[in-house]
Amino acid sequence: MLVQRHFEYPDGGKCYIETDDQEFCGHFRFRRARLSRKRFQMVFGIKPVREITVFFKAKDSAYAEVQRVLQIMIPEIRLMRNADVTVHPEPNSKTALD
């Protein structure tokens, strides 16, 4: 799985997601996302809403770098007390657009 943002030009807050399943590829705004010490879960899209969960192992330094990069890529991200990261959409914001 690949998740990236285009910072060179306005992208409307969408991330590009690429997987080996074409149904899950494209530019989307995250509806929700959660990063824990062992998994990254994201929900995106409209009709159908899509969800991907990736399980992983990472050293503390790599995990810290993932947190740092996700905060840049997804500005709505909030760090949780237990070191999880959760995306909370703005109350009046639009959800992901296909």
N, C-alpha and C. Protein backbone atom coordinates (compact mmCIF):
# COMPACT_ATOMS: atom_id res chain seq x y z
N MET A 1 0.83 -1.16 0.00
CA MET A 1 0.00 0.00 0.00
C MET A 1 0.88 1.24 0.00
N LEU A 2 0.46 2.24 -0.75
CA LEU A 2 1.16 3.53 -0.83
C LEU A 2 0.15 4.63 -0.52
N VAL A 3 0.54 5.56 0.34
CA VAL A 3 -0.27 6.75 0.63
C VAL A 3 0.64 7.94 0.44
N GLN A 4 0.22 8.91 -0.38
CA GLN A 4 1.05 10.10 -0.60
C GLN A 4 0.19 11.33 -0.82
N ARG A 5 0.81 12.50 -0.66
CA ARG A 5 0.18 13.80 -0.92
C ARG A 5 1.02 14.54 -1.93
N HIS A 6 0.38 15.42 -2.67
CA HIS A 6 1.07 16.28 -3.62
C HIS A 6 1.12 17.68 -3.03
N PHE A 7 2.31 18.11 -2.61
CA PHE A 7 2.45 19.41 -1.98
C PHE A 7 2.86 20.49 -2.99
N GLU A 8 3.23 20.07 -4.20
CA GLU A 8 3.71 21.03 -5.20
C GLU A 8 2.58 21.90 -5.73
N TYR A 9 1.35 21.40 -5.70
CA TYR A 9 0.19 22.13 -6.19
C TYR A 9 -1.00 21.79 -5.30
N PRO A 10 -2.03 22.65 -5.29
CA PRO A 10 -3.19 22.39 -4.43
C PRO A 10 -3.84 21.05 -4.79
N ASP A 11 -4.09 20.24 -3.77
CA ASP A 11 -4.70 18.92 -4.00
C ASP A 11 -6.04 18.75 -3.29
N GLY A 12 -6.55 19.85 -2.73
CA GLY A 12 -7.85 19.78 -2.07
C GLY A 12 -7.86 18.91 -0.83
N GLY A 13 -6.68 18.67 -0.24
CA GLY A 13 -6.61 17.85 0.97
C GLY A 13 -6.73 16.36 0.72
N LYS A 14 -6.65 15.95 -0.54
CA LYS A 14 -6.77 14.53 -0.87
C LYS A 14 -5.41 13.85 -0.84
N CYS A 15 -5.42 12.62 -0.42
CA CYS A 15 -4.24 11.76 -0.49
C CYS A 15 -4.42 10.80 -1.65
N TYR A 16 -3.30 10.41 -2.24
CA TYR A 16 -3.34 9.39 -3.28
C TYR A 16 -3.07 8.05 -2.60
N ILE A 17 -3.94 7.09 -2.82
CA ILE A 17 -3.82 5.76 -2.24
C ILE A 17 -3.66 4.78 -3.38
N GLU A 18 -2.70 3.88 -3.23
CA GLU A 18 -2.47 2.85 -4.25
C GLU A 18 -2.29 1.50 -3.56
N THR A 19 -3.02 0.51 -4.04
CA THR A 19 -2.90 -0.86 -3.54
C THR A 19 -2.89 -1.79 -4.75
N ASP A 20 -2.77 -3.09 -4.50
CA ASP A 20 -2.83 -4.04 -5.61
C ASP A 20 -4.27 -4.28 -6.06
N ASP A 21 -5.25 -3.72 -5.38
CA ASP A 21 -6.66 -3.80 -5.76
C ASP A 21 -7.09 -2.45 -6.33
N GLN A 22 -7.40 -2.38 -7.62
CA GLN A 22 -7.73 -1.14 -8.29
C GLN A 22 -8.92 -0.40 -7.66
N GLU A 23 -9.81 -1.13 -7.00
CA GLU A 23 -10.96 -0.51 -6.35
C GLU A 23 -10.55 0.44 -5.23
N PHE A 24 -9.35 0.22 -4.68
CA PHE A 24 -8.87 1.02 -3.57
C PHE A 24 -7.82 2.04 -3.99
N CYS A 25 -7.70 2.30 -5.29
CA CYS A 25 -6.70 3.24 -5.79
C CYS A 25 -7.37 4.55 -6.21
N GLY A 26 -6.67 5.66 -5.97
CA GLY A 26 -7.18 6.95 -6.40
C GLY A 26 -6.88 8.04 -5.39
N HIS A 27 -7.45 9.22 -5.64
CA HIS A 27 -7.28 10.38 -4.76
C HIS A 27 -8.51 10.50 -3.88
N PHE A 28 -8.29 10.51 -2.56
CA PHE A 28 -9.39 10.54 -1.59
C PHE A 28 -9.04 11.43 -0.41
N ARG A 29 -10.08 11.96 0.23
CA ARG A 29 -9.92 12.56 1.56
C ARG A 29 -10.26 11.49 2.56
N PHE A 30 -9.47 11.40 3.60
CA PHE A 30 -9.76 10.43 4.65
C PHE A 30 -11.01 10.85 5.41
N ARG A 31 -11.89 9.90 5.65
CA ARG A 31 -13.05 10.13 6.52
C ARG A 31 -12.61 9.91 7.96
N ARG A 32 -11.83 8.85 8.18
CA ARG A 32 -11.25 8.54 9.48
C ARG A 32 -9.94 7.79 9.24
N ALA A 33 -9.03 7.93 10.17
CA ALA A 33 -7.79 7.15 10.12
C ALA A 33 -7.28 6.98 11.54
N ARG A 34 -6.63 5.86 11.78
CA ARG A 34 -6.09 5.59 13.11
C ARG A 34 -4.76 4.87 12.95
N LEU A 35 -3.79 5.37 13.65
CA LEU A 35 -2.47 4.75 13.67
C LEU A 35 -2.20 4.29 15.09
N SER A 36 -2.03 3.00 15.28
CA SER A 36 -1.64 2.48 16.59
C SER A 36 -0.25 1.88 16.44
N ARG A 37 0.27 1.36 17.48
CA ARG A 37 1.63 0.83 17.48
C ARG A 37 1.78 -0.36 16.54
N LYS A 38 0.66 -1.02 16.19
CA LYS A 38 0.74 -2.22 15.36
C LYS A 38 -0.11 -2.16 14.09
N ARG A 39 -0.90 -1.08 13.90
CA ARG A 39 -1.73 -1.05 12.69
C ARG A 39 -2.03 0.37 12.25
N PHE A 40 -2.33 0.51 10.96
CA PHE A 40 -2.79 1.76 10.37
C PHE A 40 -4.11 1.44 9.70
N GLN A 41 -5.18 2.11 10.15
CA GLN A 41 -6.51 1.87 9.63
C GLN A 41 -7.01 3.17 9.03
N MET A 42 -7.58 3.09 7.81
CA MET A 42 -8.11 4.29 7.17
C MET A 42 -9.45 3.99 6.52
N VAL A 43 -10.32 4.99 6.57
CA VAL A 43 -11.63 4.93 5.95
C VAL A 43 -11.72 6.12 5.02
N PHE A 44 -12.14 5.88 3.78
CA PHE A 44 -12.16 6.94 2.77
C PHE A 44 -13.21 6.61 1.72
N GLY A 45 -13.54 7.61 0.90
CA GLY A 45 -14.46 7.41 -0.22
C GLY A 45 -15.92 7.61 0.16
N ILE A 46 -16.72 7.72 -0.88
CA ILE A 46 -18.18 7.84 -0.75
C ILE A 46 -18.79 6.89 -1.77
N LYS A 47 -19.73 6.11 -1.34
CA LYS A 47 -20.48 5.22 -2.24
C LYS A 47 -19.58 4.53 -3.24
N PRO A 48 -18.84 3.55 -2.88
CA PRO A 48 -18.81 2.93 -1.56
C PRO A 48 -17.76 3.56 -0.66
N VAL A 49 -18.02 3.51 0.64
CA VAL A 49 -17.00 3.89 1.62
C VAL A 49 -16.02 2.72 1.68
N ARG A 50 -14.74 3.03 1.64
CA ARG A 50 -13.71 1.99 1.63
C ARG A 50 -12.94 2.02 2.95
N GLU A 51 -12.45 0.85 3.36
CA GLU A 51 -11.67 0.76 4.59
C GLU A 51 -10.50 -0.19 4.35
N ILE A 52 -9.33 0.23 4.79
CA ILE A 52 -8.13 -0.59 4.70
C ILE A 52 -7.47 -0.62 6.08
N THR A 53 -7.02 -1.78 6.51
CA THR A 53 -6.25 -1.92 7.73
C THR A 53 -4.95 -2.63 7.38
N VAL A 54 -3.85 -2.03 7.79
CA VAL A 54 -2.53 -2.61 7.55
C VAL A 54 -1.90 -2.89 8.92
N PHE A 55 -1.45 -4.11 9.13
CA PHE A 55 -0.75 -4.49 10.35
C PHE A 55 0.75 -4.46 10.08
N PHE A 56 1.53 -3.99 11.06
CA PHE A 56 2.97 -3.85 10.85
C PHE A 56 3.72 -3.93 12.17
N LYS A 57 5.04 -4.07 12.05
CA LYS A 57 5.96 -3.97 13.19
C LYS A 57 6.94 -2.87 12.84
N ALA A 58 7.28 -2.03 13.82
CA ALA A 58 8.22 -0.93 13.57
C ALA A 58 8.98 -0.62 14.86
N LYS A 59 10.23 -0.27 14.69
CA LYS A 59 11.03 0.21 15.82
C LYS A 59 10.50 1.57 16.22
N ASP A 60 10.82 2.00 17.44
CA ASP A 60 10.32 3.28 17.94
C ASP A 60 10.65 4.44 17.01
N SER A 61 11.85 4.47 16.47
CA SER A 61 12.25 5.58 15.60
C SER A 61 11.44 5.59 14.31
N ALA A 62 11.17 4.43 13.73
CA ALA A 62 10.37 4.36 12.50
C ALA A 62 8.92 4.75 12.79
N TYR A 63 8.39 4.29 13.91
CA TYR A 63 7.03 4.63 14.28
C TYR A 63 6.88 6.14 14.50
N ALA A 64 7.85 6.75 15.15
CA ALA A 64 7.82 8.21 15.36
C ALA A 64 7.84 8.95 14.02
N GLU A 65 8.60 8.44 13.07
CA GLU A 65 8.65 9.07 11.75
C GLU A 65 7.32 8.93 11.02
N VAL A 66 6.66 7.80 11.14
CA VAL A 66 5.34 7.61 10.53
C VAL A 66 4.35 8.60 11.13
N GLN A 67 4.36 8.76 12.44
CA GLN A 67 3.47 9.74 13.08
C GLN A 67 3.73 11.14 12.54
N ARG A 68 5.00 11.52 12.45
CA ARG A 68 5.38 12.86 11.99
C ARG A 68 4.89 13.09 10.56
N VAL A 69 5.11 12.13 9.69
CA VAL A 69 4.73 12.28 8.29
C VAL A 69 3.22 12.32 8.13
N LEU A 70 2.49 11.48 8.87
CA LEU A 70 1.03 11.50 8.77
C LEU A 70 0.46 12.84 9.23
N GLN A 71 1.07 13.47 10.22
CA GLN A 71 0.60 14.78 10.67
C GLN A 71 0.78 15.83 9.56
N ILE A 72 1.80 15.69 8.76
CA ILE A 72 2.01 16.62 7.64
C ILE A 72 1.03 16.31 6.52
N MET A 73 0.86 15.03 6.19
CA MET A 73 0.00 14.63 5.08
C MET A 73 -1.48 14.86 5.35
N ILE A 74 -1.88 14.67 6.61
CA ILE A 74 -3.29 14.77 6.99
C ILE A 74 -3.40 15.78 8.13
N PRO A 75 -3.53 17.07 7.79
CA PRO A 75 -3.52 18.11 8.82
C PRO A 75 -4.57 17.94 9.92
N GLU A 76 -5.68 17.26 9.64
CA GLU A 76 -6.75 17.08 10.62
C GLU A 76 -6.39 16.06 11.70
N ILE A 77 -5.26 15.42 11.58
CA ILE A 77 -4.87 14.36 12.49
C ILE A 77 -4.66 14.90 13.91
N ARG A 78 -5.06 14.13 14.89
CA ARG A 78 -4.85 14.49 16.30
C ARG A 78 -4.14 13.34 17.00
N LEU A 79 -3.13 13.66 17.78
CA LEU A 79 -2.45 12.64 18.55
C LEU A 79 -3.28 12.31 19.78
N MET A 80 -3.42 11.04 20.04
CA MET A 80 -4.18 10.59 21.21
C MET A 80 -3.21 10.33 22.36
N ARG A 81 -3.71 10.36 23.57
CA ARG A 81 -2.90 10.18 24.77
C ARG A 81 -2.10 8.87 24.77
N ASN A 82 -2.68 7.82 24.20
CA ASN A 82 -2.01 6.52 24.20
C ASN A 82 -1.11 6.35 22.98
N ALA A 83 -0.69 7.46 22.37
CA ALA A 83 0.22 7.48 21.22
C ALA A 83 -0.44 7.00 19.94
N ASP A 84 -1.76 6.82 19.95
CA ASP A 84 -2.46 6.54 18.70
C ASP A 84 -2.72 7.87 18.00
N VAL A 85 -2.93 7.80 16.72
CA VAL A 85 -3.23 8.97 15.92
C VAL A 85 -4.60 8.75 15.30
N THR A 86 -5.49 9.73 15.43
CA THR A 86 -6.83 9.60 14.87
C THR A 86 -7.16 10.84 14.07
N VAL A 87 -7.80 10.66 12.91
CA VAL A 87 -8.27 11.77 12.08
C VAL A 87 -9.71 12.03 12.45
N HIS A 88 -10.03 13.27 12.76
CA HIS A 88 -11.40 13.69 13.03
C HIS A 88 -11.76 14.74 12.00
N PRO A 89 -12.74 14.48 11.11
CA PRO A 89 -13.11 15.49 10.13
C PRO A 89 -13.63 16.75 10.81
N GLU A 90 -13.41 17.88 10.18
CA GLU A 90 -13.95 19.14 10.68
C GLU A 90 -15.47 19.05 10.69
N PRO A 91 -16.15 19.67 11.66
CA PRO A 91 -17.61 19.54 11.77
C PRO A 91 -18.36 19.92 10.49
N ASN A 92 -17.92 20.94 9.78
CA ASN A 92 -18.64 21.38 8.59
C ASN A 92 -17.90 21.05 7.30
N SER A 93 -16.90 20.19 7.36
CA SER A 93 -16.13 19.89 6.15
C SER A 93 -16.83 18.85 5.31
N LYS A 94 -16.48 18.83 4.04
CA LYS A 94 -17.01 17.82 3.13
C LYS A 94 -16.26 16.54 3.38
N THR A 95 -16.93 15.41 3.14
CA THR A 95 -16.25 14.13 3.29
C THR A 95 -15.55 13.80 1.98
N ALA A 96 -14.93 12.63 1.93
CA ALA A 96 -14.10 12.26 0.78
C ALA A 96 -14.90 12.31 -0.51
N LEU A 97 -14.25 12.77 -1.54
CA LEU A 97 -14.84 12.85 -2.86
C LEU A 97 -14.15 11.87 -3.78
N ASP A 98 -14.93 11.10 -4.52
CA ASP A 98 -14.36 10.16 -5.49
C ASP A 98 -14.14 10.86 -6.81
